[in-house]
Amino acid sequence: INYRLIHEYGANCRFVPRNYFKACWITSDNEEQLNSFKRAKSNYIAEDKDGHLVFLAETTFLLNMAEQDYPDLVFHKTSEFMLDTKK
């Protein structure tokens, strides 16, 4: 992959191995709590190809704690929730 990125696209990259338990899409009607979560977990937040927020949980415990600490956030285990938003 690294070879193709460099030679076909001229893009340098660096691979860093990471261990994640689960990736969950995050939604919320509570913007304040969502922004607080994003600040607190910035090293574990990514965006998918469509720009949706994804939380990269390293362990079951950390996912459970995030769900407990941020009750107004919805942690979607699959991307199927997006089908409802496209109607």
Protein backbone atom coordinates (compact mmCIF):
# COMPACT_ATOMS: atom_id res chain seq x y z
CA ILE A 1 0.00 0.00 0.00
CA ASN A 2 2.79 2.41 0.90
CA TYR A 3 4.47 1.83 -2.48
CA ARG A 4 1.27 2.55 -4.39
CA LEU A 5 0.51 5.68 -2.38
CA ILE A 6 3.95 7.09 -3.09
CA HIS A 7 4.30 6.05 -6.75
CA GLU A 8 0.73 6.36 -8.00
CA TYR A 9 -0.51 9.31 -5.95
CA GLY A 10 2.66 11.03 -4.74
CA ALA A 11 1.37 10.73 -1.19
CA ASN A 12 3.73 9.89 1.64
CA CYS A 13 2.27 8.00 4.54
CA ARG A 14 3.24 6.58 7.88
CA PHE A 15 1.57 3.48 9.28
CA VAL A 16 1.11 3.34 13.03
CA PRO A 17 -0.34 0.12 14.44
CA ARG A 18 -3.32 0.70 16.72
CA ASN A 19 -5.56 -1.68 18.61
CA TYR A 20 -9.24 -0.86 18.74
CA PHE A 21 -12.10 -2.87 20.18
CA LYS A 22 -14.86 -1.20 18.19
CA ALA A 23 -15.62 1.80 15.99
CA CYS A 24 -18.97 3.50 16.68
CA TRP A 25 -20.62 6.31 14.77
CA ILE A 26 -21.68 9.12 17.08
CA THR A 27 -24.78 11.29 16.84
CA SER A 28 -26.53 13.59 19.27
CA ASP A 29 -29.08 16.37 19.45
CA ASN A 30 -27.07 17.81 22.36
CA GLU A 31 -24.37 19.86 20.61
CA GLU A 32 -22.79 20.95 23.90
CA GLN A 33 -22.29 17.36 25.08
CA LEU A 34 -21.11 16.27 21.63
CA ASN A 35 -18.51 19.06 21.54
CA SER A 36 -17.39 18.18 25.07
CA PHE A 37 -16.97 14.54 24.02
CA LYS A 38 -15.02 15.54 20.91
CA ARG A 39 -12.64 17.65 23.01
CA ALA A 40 -12.16 14.96 25.66
CA LYS A 41 -11.70 12.11 23.19
CA SER A 42 -10.01 13.95 20.30
CA ASN A 43 -7.33 11.25 19.95
CA TYR A 44 -10.05 8.65 19.46
CA ILE A 45 -12.32 10.52 17.05
CA ALA A 46 -12.19 10.10 13.29
CA GLU A 47 -14.44 10.85 10.35
CA ASP A 48 -15.68 8.29 7.86
CA LYS A 49 -15.65 8.93 4.11
CA ASP A 50 -18.93 10.84 4.37
CA GLY A 51 -17.75 13.08 7.22
CA HIS A 52 -19.66 11.31 10.01
CA LEU A 53 -17.98 11.19 13.41
CA VAL A 54 -16.60 7.84 14.54
CA PHE A 55 -15.40 6.98 18.05
CA LEU A 56 -12.55 4.46 18.10
CA ALA A 57 -12.88 2.64 21.41
CA GLU A 58 -9.84 0.69 22.56
CA THR A 59 -11.70 -1.56 25.01
CA THR A 60 -15.20 -2.58 26.03
CA PHE A 61 -14.68 -0.76 29.31
CA LEU A 62 -13.81 2.55 27.60
CA LEU A 63 -16.83 2.27 25.31
CA ASN A 64 -19.11 1.55 28.27
CA MET A 65 -17.66 4.49 30.21
CA ALA A 66 -18.16 6.83 27.26
CA GLU A 67 -21.78 5.73 26.95
CA GLN A 68 -22.26 6.26 30.69
CA ASP A 69 -20.46 9.62 30.86
CA TYR A 70 -22.21 11.04 27.77
CA PRO A 71 -25.83 9.86 28.01
CA ASP A 72 -27.08 12.23 25.30
CA LEU A 73 -24.79 10.70 22.68
CA VAL A 74 -25.88 7.74 20.61
CA PHE A 75 -23.10 5.23 19.85
CA HIS A 76 -24.20 3.43 16.68
CA LYS A 77 -22.57 0.03 16.26
CA THR A 78 -23.28 -0.06 12.50
CA SER A 79 -23.61 2.59 9.82
CA GLU A 80 -27.20 1.55 9.07
CA PHE A 81 -28.45 4.48 11.18
CA MET A 82 -27.47 6.72 8.26
CA LEU A 83 -30.18 5.18 6.08
CA ASP A 84 -32.81 6.92 8.24
CA THR A 85 -31.12 10.30 7.81
CA LYS A 86 -31.11 10.07 3.99
CA LYS A 87 -34.90 9.81 3.64
